[in-house]
Structure formats: structure tokens, C-alpha cells
Amino acid sequence: MSDSASANQSKAKVFFARLFSTLLLWAVVTGVFMSANVWLFMALMSLLGLLGIWEYFRMARDGGVPCQPKWGLVVSVIYLGVLAWLLGSYGHAALDLVHAVDAALISLTVLLGFVWQLRRPVDGHKTFTEVAVTTLGFVYVVVMFSFVSRLLFLPQINESVPGAWLIIWLVLVTKFTDMGAYVTGSVIGKHKMIPHISPGKTWQGFVGGIGFALLAGCGLFALMPERLAVLGGWGWVIGLCVLLSLLAVVGDLAESVLKRSMGVKDSGKTLPGIGGALDLIDSLCYTAPVLYFVLKWVPLYSAPVH
């Protein structure tokens, strides 16, 4: 078999593996969505956050990067448990309190991280790095991804899961960016985008990702304008699609920086063709916080959320 044929076969294998994982994930998401059960939503978000931070610490360990995985996992479990209980029990009314929980747990992570170091002599930059890497992982993976859960309760609608369609819209825009970039780049990609970070990404794929994001975001808004009224009008929808697709690319590249820094290829092998849970949520860690604060702070006149 020629090298070209072997390469094409390998690409096809990766594509179908990624397609299978994507369909499986959407089946799970659809099941949770159709249940309209707030606790199932919170359980799914908490599980993804926990798997993501576990993979983060495993990457650090495999790459020989000093960290405090036990303490990092403990504080993550506490945070995710408190977040799920507050949002599941009180919904929109708990959002401001959750911001206080963010500050408290981040402060606790740093404070006790340094206290833990007092048990032994200072070991050069390793002592500082352990605390810094642990805190970064908690904020980057757990706190930033938690904004997906907060979006579930941002719209003030008399439903048990008022932001369910908003989350579906966010996931579609974010993941269609990834899928569009992959498909377009595989077919017509020629000019490398950032080869020193991610050799496979091309400018053609970048443009294709934005196009796919617009197609998904505008398409769902056209089908469900009342369910997505929180997004405002068409101008806001188009602008948010472009903004979030750019952030999705940055989020994916940020994880690439992490993996290259730690000397690992994938965060895990949970999902064939995709990688681990962190590979799945990396882009959402960037898009969810920005969408949350835009909707909370910017007056979208047709549908205020507070």
C-alpha cells in the first residue's frame, strides 16, 4: 500500500471514529435534554468537569510537571458539589452567590496549596510550580467550564431548565466550529495557521469553522426564535456566532499549548477520534464564560435576562 493510500485510510478511520463519538455524545445530550430534569443536567456537567480536571492532572504527571493532584481533585469535587446543589436547588437566584463561591474556592486553592508546601523544605521553582499548576487547572478546567451550568439558569423563564436551548445553541456553535474547521481543512486546507502550536490547522479550516458556526447558530435561532429570545435579534445572533467561533479556536489552541508544554498528545482516550473529556470541553471553557457575561451585562433589548 502506498504512503498516500495509507494516509487516506488513516484519515478516514479518524473521521469515522470521530463521527461515532460525536453521535454517541449527542445521544447522551439529547437524552438529558429530553428528560428536562435539572439534576441530570447538573450531574452531566459535574461529571465532565471532574473528568476534565482528572485528565489535566494526569497530563501534568505524564509530562513531569510538578502539581498537587490530590488537593486539586479534592477542591474540584467540593466546588462541583456545591455548584450543583446551589444551581439545582435555587436556579437563577443562586447565580450571584456562585460568583462568591468562585472567589472563595480559588482563594482556598492557593492558600492551602502553599500551606501544603510547609511540610517540606523549598525545592527551587518546583515548590512554586506545584501551586501555580494546580490553581491554573482548577480555574481553567473546573471554574471556566462551570459557566455552561450557569447558562442553564440565566434566562428567567418559568421552566425547570430555562436555558436548555441556550446550552444546545452554545454547544452547536462551538462544536460546529471544530467540525467545520476539521472538514474544511481536510478537504481544501493548504496554508498552515499556527504550525508551531497545531500543525494540522489551516487558514482555510479557520474560515470554514466560522462558516459552519454561523450555519448552526443562525439555523437553530431561525427554528427556535422564542426559545432563544435571550440572544436578542439577528444582529446579536450573527455577532455572537462569529465571536464564539473565534473563541472556540482559541480554546482549542490553548489546550494544544498545554499538551505541547507537558509533552503529551491527547488528554485521554475516552472518546475515539476525539480524545479525552478535556479535548471535548476545551473550547466550551472559552465560549461559555464569554456568552454568560455578554448576556448578563450587555443589554439585549428584545430579551433582558436580569
Protein backbone atom coordinates (compact mmCIF):
# COMPACT_ATOMS: atom_id res chain seq x y z
CA MET A 1 0.00 0.00 0.00
CA SER A 2 1.38 3.42 -0.95
CA ASP A 3 2.05 6.09 1.64
CA SER A 4 -0.72 8.23 0.11
CA ALA A 5 -3.29 5.44 0.31
CA SER A 6 -2.24 4.64 3.86
CA ALA A 7 -2.59 8.29 4.86
CA ASN A 8 -6.07 8.49 3.30
CA GLN A 9 -7.12 5.31 5.09
CA SER A 10 -5.85 6.72 8.38
CA LYS A 11 -7.79 9.98 7.85
CA ALA A 12 -10.93 8.01 7.06
CA LYS A 13 -10.50 5.93 10.20
CA VAL A 14 -10.10 9.03 12.36
CA PHE A 15 -13.10 10.67 10.68
CA PHE A 16 -15.45 7.72 11.31
CA ALA A 17 -14.16 7.31 14.87
CA ARG A 18 -14.84 10.99 15.50
CA LEU A 19 -18.26 10.68 13.86
CA PHE A 20 -19.16 7.72 16.11
CA SER A 21 -18.06 9.57 19.26
CA THR A 22 -19.94 12.69 18.19
CA LEU A 23 -23.17 10.77 17.56
CA LEU A 24 -22.83 8.97 20.89
CA LEU A 25 -22.31 12.24 22.72
CA TRP A 26 -25.29 13.84 21.05
CA ALA A 27 -27.40 10.82 22.00
CA VAL A 28 -26.44 11.33 25.66
CA VAL A 29 -27.00 15.09 25.48
CA THR A 30 -30.36 14.57 23.76
CA GLY A 31 -31.44 12.09 26.43
CA VAL A 32 -30.57 14.52 29.23
CA PHE A 33 -32.21 17.38 27.33
CA MET A 34 -35.44 15.46 26.71
CA SER A 35 -35.66 14.49 30.37
CA ALA A 36 -35.97 18.17 31.40
CA ASN A 37 -34.53 17.06 34.73
CA VAL A 38 -32.32 19.73 36.27
CA TRP A 39 -30.37 17.21 38.36
CA LEU A 40 -29.46 15.15 35.29
CA PHE A 41 -28.13 18.31 33.64
CA MET A 42 -26.07 19.14 36.73
CA ALA A 43 -24.81 15.54 37.01
CA LEU A 44 -23.63 15.56 33.38
CA MET A 45 -21.88 18.93 33.73
CA SER A 46 -20.24 17.87 37.01
CA LEU A 47 -19.05 14.58 35.52
CA LEU A 48 -17.48 16.31 32.51
CA GLY A 49 -15.78 18.87 34.76
CA LEU A 50 -14.42 16.15 37.05
CA LEU A 51 -13.15 14.04 34.14
CA GLY A 52 -11.55 17.13 32.61
CA ILE A 53 -9.61 18.09 35.75
CA TRP A 54 -8.56 14.47 36.32
CA GLU A 55 -7.15 14.34 32.78
CA TYR A 56 -5.41 17.68 33.33
CA PHE A 57 -3.53 16.36 36.36
CA ARG A 58 -2.74 13.11 34.57
CA MET A 59 -1.24 15.08 31.68
CA ALA A 60 0.84 17.07 34.15
CA ARG A 61 2.05 13.87 35.82
CA ASP A 62 2.88 12.19 32.50
CA GLY A 63 4.72 15.31 31.37
CA GLY A 64 6.74 15.54 34.57
CA VAL A 65 5.14 18.87 35.55
CA PRO A 66 5.01 19.41 39.36
CA CYS A 67 1.46 19.79 40.74
CA GLN A 68 -0.78 18.81 43.64
CA PRO A 69 -3.28 16.41 42.03
CA LYS A 70 -4.86 15.11 45.25
CA TRP A 71 -5.54 18.59 46.58
CA GLY A 72 -6.66 19.77 43.15
CA LEU A 73 -9.17 16.91 42.84
CA VAL A 74 -10.47 17.43 46.37
CA VAL A 75 -11.18 21.13 45.85
CA SER A 76 -12.72 20.37 42.44
CA VAL A 77 -15.12 17.80 43.91
CA ILE A 78 -16.12 20.26 46.66
CA TYR A 79 -16.65 23.06 44.16
CA LEU A 80 -18.65 20.96 41.69
CA GLY A 81 -20.80 19.56 44.50
CA VAL A 82 -21.59 22.99 45.95
CA LEU A 83 -22.26 24.42 42.48
CA ALA A 84 -24.62 21.60 41.55
CA TRP A 85 -26.52 21.91 44.83
CA LEU A 86 -26.88 25.71 44.63
CA LEU A 87 -27.95 25.85 41.00
CA GLY A 88 -30.10 22.73 41.16
CA SER A 89 -31.91 23.95 44.28
CA TYR A 90 -32.21 27.71 43.68
CA GLY A 91 -31.66 28.22 39.95
CA HIS A 92 -31.33 31.83 38.76
CA ALA A 93 -31.41 33.17 42.33
CA ALA A 94 -28.12 31.39 43.09
CA LEU A 95 -26.06 32.94 40.27
CA ASP A 96 -24.64 35.84 42.29
CA LEU A 97 -23.83 33.51 45.19
CA VAL A 98 -21.98 31.19 42.81
CA HIS A 99 -19.63 34.06 41.93
CA ALA A 100 -18.78 34.34 45.63
CA VAL A 101 -18.15 30.58 45.71
CA ASP A 102 -15.71 31.05 42.80
CA ALA A 103 -13.69 33.61 44.75
CA ALA A 104 -13.76 31.53 47.93
CA LEU A 105 -12.62 28.27 46.34
CA ILE A 106 -9.92 29.90 44.18
CA SER A 107 -8.58 31.65 47.28
CA LEU A 108 -8.73 28.37 49.23
CA THR A 109 -6.88 26.54 46.44
CA VAL A 110 -3.98 29.00 46.62
CA LEU A 111 -3.98 29.35 50.41
CA LEU A 112 -3.98 25.65 51.26
CA GLY A 113 -1.73 24.92 48.30
CA PHE A 114 1.01 26.98 49.95
CA VAL A 115 0.17 25.61 53.40
CA TRP A 116 0.73 22.11 52.00
CA GLN A 117 4.21 23.17 50.90
CA LEU A 118 5.17 23.98 54.51
CA ARG A 119 5.60 20.30 55.27
CA ARG A 120 8.95 20.17 53.46
CA PRO A 121 11.88 22.44 52.50
CA VAL A 122 11.59 24.70 49.46
CA ASP A 123 12.74 22.85 46.34
CA GLY A 124 13.57 25.67 43.95
CA HIS A 125 10.91 26.55 41.38
CA LYS A 126 9.20 23.17 41.89
CA THR A 127 7.54 24.41 45.08
CA PHE A 128 6.02 27.44 43.33
CA THR A 129 5.14 25.48 40.19
CA GLU A 130 3.10 22.92 42.13
CA VAL A 131 0.79 25.60 43.50
CA ALA A 132 0.59 27.53 40.22
CA VAL A 133 -0.17 24.49 38.04
CA THR A 134 -2.80 23.23 40.49
CA THR A 135 -4.54 26.60 40.67
CA LEU A 136 -4.43 27.02 36.89
CA GLY A 137 -6.03 23.63 36.37
CA PHE A 138 -8.84 24.38 38.82
CA VAL A 139 -9.63 27.75 37.24
CA TYR A 140 -9.09 26.76 33.59
CA VAL A 141 -10.97 23.45 33.63
CA VAL A 142 -13.42 23.46 36.52
CA VAL A 143 -14.39 27.11 37.03
CA MET A 144 -14.44 28.16 33.37
CA PHE A 145 -16.38 25.08 32.28
CA SER A 146 -18.88 25.67 35.10
CA PHE A 147 -20.29 28.61 33.13
CA VAL A 148 -22.09 26.06 30.97
CA SER A 149 -24.10 25.09 34.06
CA ARG A 150 -24.76 28.74 34.89
CA LEU A 151 -26.14 29.39 31.41
CA LEU A 152 -28.78 26.77 32.17
CA PHE A 153 -30.32 29.18 34.69
CA LEU A 154 -29.53 32.58 33.19
CA PRO A 155 -32.81 33.13 31.29
CA GLN A 156 -35.68 33.98 33.64
CA ILE A 157 -38.29 31.65 32.20
CA ASN A 158 -40.76 29.62 34.25
CA GLU A 159 -39.27 26.22 33.36
CA SER A 160 -37.20 23.72 35.34
CA VAL A 161 -34.30 24.08 32.88
CA PRO A 162 -34.84 27.54 31.37
CA GLY A 163 -31.54 27.69 29.49
CA ALA A 164 -31.59 24.21 27.95
CA TRP A 165 -31.96 25.51 24.40
CA LEU A 166 -29.34 28.18 25.08
CA ILE A 167 -26.83 25.47 26.01
CA ILE A 168 -27.74 23.46 22.91
CA TRP A 169 -27.17 26.60 20.83
CA LEU A 170 -23.80 27.23 22.50
CA VAL A 171 -22.65 23.65 22.01
CA LEU A 172 -23.75 23.68 18.36
CA VAL A 173 -21.88 26.91 17.58
CA THR A 174 -18.77 25.76 19.45
CA LYS A 175 -18.63 22.23 18.09
CA PHE A 176 -19.62 23.17 14.55
CA THR A 177 -16.61 25.47 14.61
CA ASP A 178 -14.40 22.50 15.44
CA MET A 179 -16.13 20.24 12.94
CA GLY A 180 -16.19 22.85 10.18
CA ALA A 181 -12.51 23.61 10.64
CA TYR A 182 -11.67 19.90 10.55
CA VAL A 183 -13.78 19.12 7.47
CA THR A 184 -12.77 22.22 5.51
CA GLY A 185 -9.13 21.88 6.46
CA SER A 186 -9.10 18.19 5.47
CA VAL A 187 -10.62 18.92 2.06
CA ILE A 188 -9.03 22.20 0.93
CA GLY A 189 -6.60 23.16 3.71
CA LYS A 190 -3.27 24.34 2.30
CA HIS A 191 -1.95 27.26 4.32
CA LYS A 192 -0.85 26.41 7.85
CA MET A 193 -2.33 28.64 10.54
CA ILE A 194 -0.08 28.19 13.60
CA PRO A 195 2.21 25.24 12.75
CA HIS A 196 4.38 25.67 15.85
CA ILE A 197 1.31 25.03 18.05
CA SER A 198 -1.03 22.88 15.95
CA PRO A 199 0.43 21.68 12.62
CA GLY A 200 -2.92 20.38 11.35
CA LYS A 201 -4.81 23.69 11.49
CA THR A 202 -5.08 25.78 8.33
CA TRP A 203 -6.48 29.19 7.48
CA GLN A 204 -8.96 27.53 5.14
CA GLY A 205 -10.18 25.42 8.06
CA PHE A 206 -10.39 28.55 10.23
CA VAL A 207 -12.71 30.26 7.74
CA GLY A 208 -14.70 27.07 7.29
CA GLY A 209 -15.16 26.80 11.05
CA ILE A 210 -16.66 30.29 11.23
CA GLY A 211 -18.96 29.45 8.31
CA PHE A 212 -20.18 26.25 9.97
CA ALA A 213 -20.72 28.11 13.26
CA LEU A 214 -22.86 30.72 11.51
CA LEU A 215 -24.82 27.99 9.74
CA ALA A 216 -25.52 26.14 13.02
CA GLY A 217 -26.20 29.17 15.19
CA CYS A 218 -28.40 31.03 12.72
CA GLY A 219 -30.18 27.84 11.70
CA LEU A 220 -31.21 26.93 15.25
CA PHE A 221 -32.22 30.51 16.01
CA ALA A 222 -34.42 30.56 12.89
CA LEU A 223 -36.12 27.34 14.04
CA MET A 224 -36.44 28.34 17.72
CA PRO A 225 -36.65 32.17 17.92
CA GLU A 226 -38.88 32.16 21.00
CA ARG A 227 -36.80 29.58 22.87
CA LEU A 228 -33.66 31.61 22.10
CA ALA A 229 -35.13 35.07 22.63
CA VAL A 230 -32.46 35.70 25.26
CA LEU A 231 -29.98 36.07 22.39
CA GLY A 232 -31.73 39.20 21.12
CA GLY A 233 -32.22 39.79 17.41
CA TRP A 234 -30.46 38.60 14.29
CA GLY A 235 -27.64 41.11 14.60
CA TRP A 236 -26.70 39.77 18.03
CA VAL A 237 -27.01 36.16 16.90
CA ILE A 238 -24.66 36.67 13.94
CA GLY A 239 -22.20 38.67 16.03
CA LEU A 240 -22.19 36.09 18.82
CA CYS A 241 -21.70 33.24 16.32
CA VAL A 242 -18.57 34.92 14.94
CA LEU A 243 -17.26 35.85 18.40
CA LEU A 244 -17.83 32.39 19.86
CA SER A 245 -16.32 30.64 16.86
CA LEU A 246 -13.15 32.72 17.28
CA LEU A 247 -13.07 31.84 20.97
CA ALA A 248 -13.62 28.15 20.15
CA VAL A 249 -10.49 28.21 18.01
CA VAL A 250 -8.53 29.94 20.77
CA GLY A 251 -9.80 27.42 23.32
CA ASP A 252 -8.70 24.52 21.17
CA LEU A 253 -5.28 26.11 20.64
CA ALA A 254 -4.93 26.80 24.37
CA GLU A 255 -5.24 23.09 25.10
CA SER A 256 -2.70 22.41 22.34
CA VAL A 257 -0.31 24.74 24.16
CA LEU A 258 -0.89 22.80 27.38
CA LYS A 259 -0.34 19.43 25.71
CA ARG A 260 2.81 20.56 23.95
CA SER A 261 4.13 22.11 27.17
CA MET A 262 3.52 18.84 29.00
CA GLY A 263 4.76 16.67 26.13
CA VAL A 264 1.56 14.66 25.63
CA LYS A 265 -0.55 14.02 22.51
CA ASP A 266 -4.08 13.70 23.91
CA SER A 267 -5.67 14.42 27.26
CA GLY A 268 -7.12 10.89 27.23
CA LYS A 269 -8.64 8.12 25.13
CA THR A 270 -12.19 8.11 26.46
CA LEU A 271 -13.70 9.17 23.13
CA PRO A 272 -12.33 7.52 19.93
CA GLY A 273 -11.35 10.11 17.34
CA ILE A 274 -11.78 12.97 19.79
CA GLY A 275 -9.57 12.08 22.74
CA GLY A 276 -10.50 12.67 26.35
CA ALA A 277 -13.10 14.72 28.16
CA LEU A 278 -10.75 17.72 28.23
CA ASP A 279 -10.43 17.54 24.44
CA LEU A 280 -14.23 17.66 24.36
CA ILE A 281 -14.77 20.64 26.65
CA ASP A 282 -11.66 22.74 25.92
CA SER A 283 -13.47 25.10 23.54
CA LEU A 284 -16.50 25.39 25.83
CA CYS A 285 -14.19 26.57 28.61
CA TYR A 286 -13.67 29.69 26.48
CA THR A 287 -17.05 30.18 24.82
CA ALA A 288 -19.33 29.60 27.84
CA PRO A 289 -17.91 32.32 30.16
CA VAL A 290 -17.96 34.94 27.41
CA LEU A 291 -21.53 34.13 26.35
CA TYR A 292 -22.62 34.22 30.01
CA PHE A 293 -21.16 37.65 30.71
CA VAL A 294 -22.35 39.11 27.41
CA LEU A 295 -25.92 38.02 28.13
CA LYS A 296 -25.71 39.15 31.76
CA TRP A 297 -24.01 42.51 31.28
CA VAL A 298 -24.90 43.69 27.77
CA PRO A 299 -28.48 44.95 27.27
CA LEU A 300 -30.04 42.79 24.56
CA TYR A 301 -33.13 44.94 24.32
CA SER A 302 -35.54 42.34 22.99
CA ALA A 303 -34.94 39.91 25.85
CA PRO A 304 -33.35 41.18 29.08
CA VAL A 305 -32.14 38.43 31.41
CA HIS A 306 -31.98 40.37 34.67
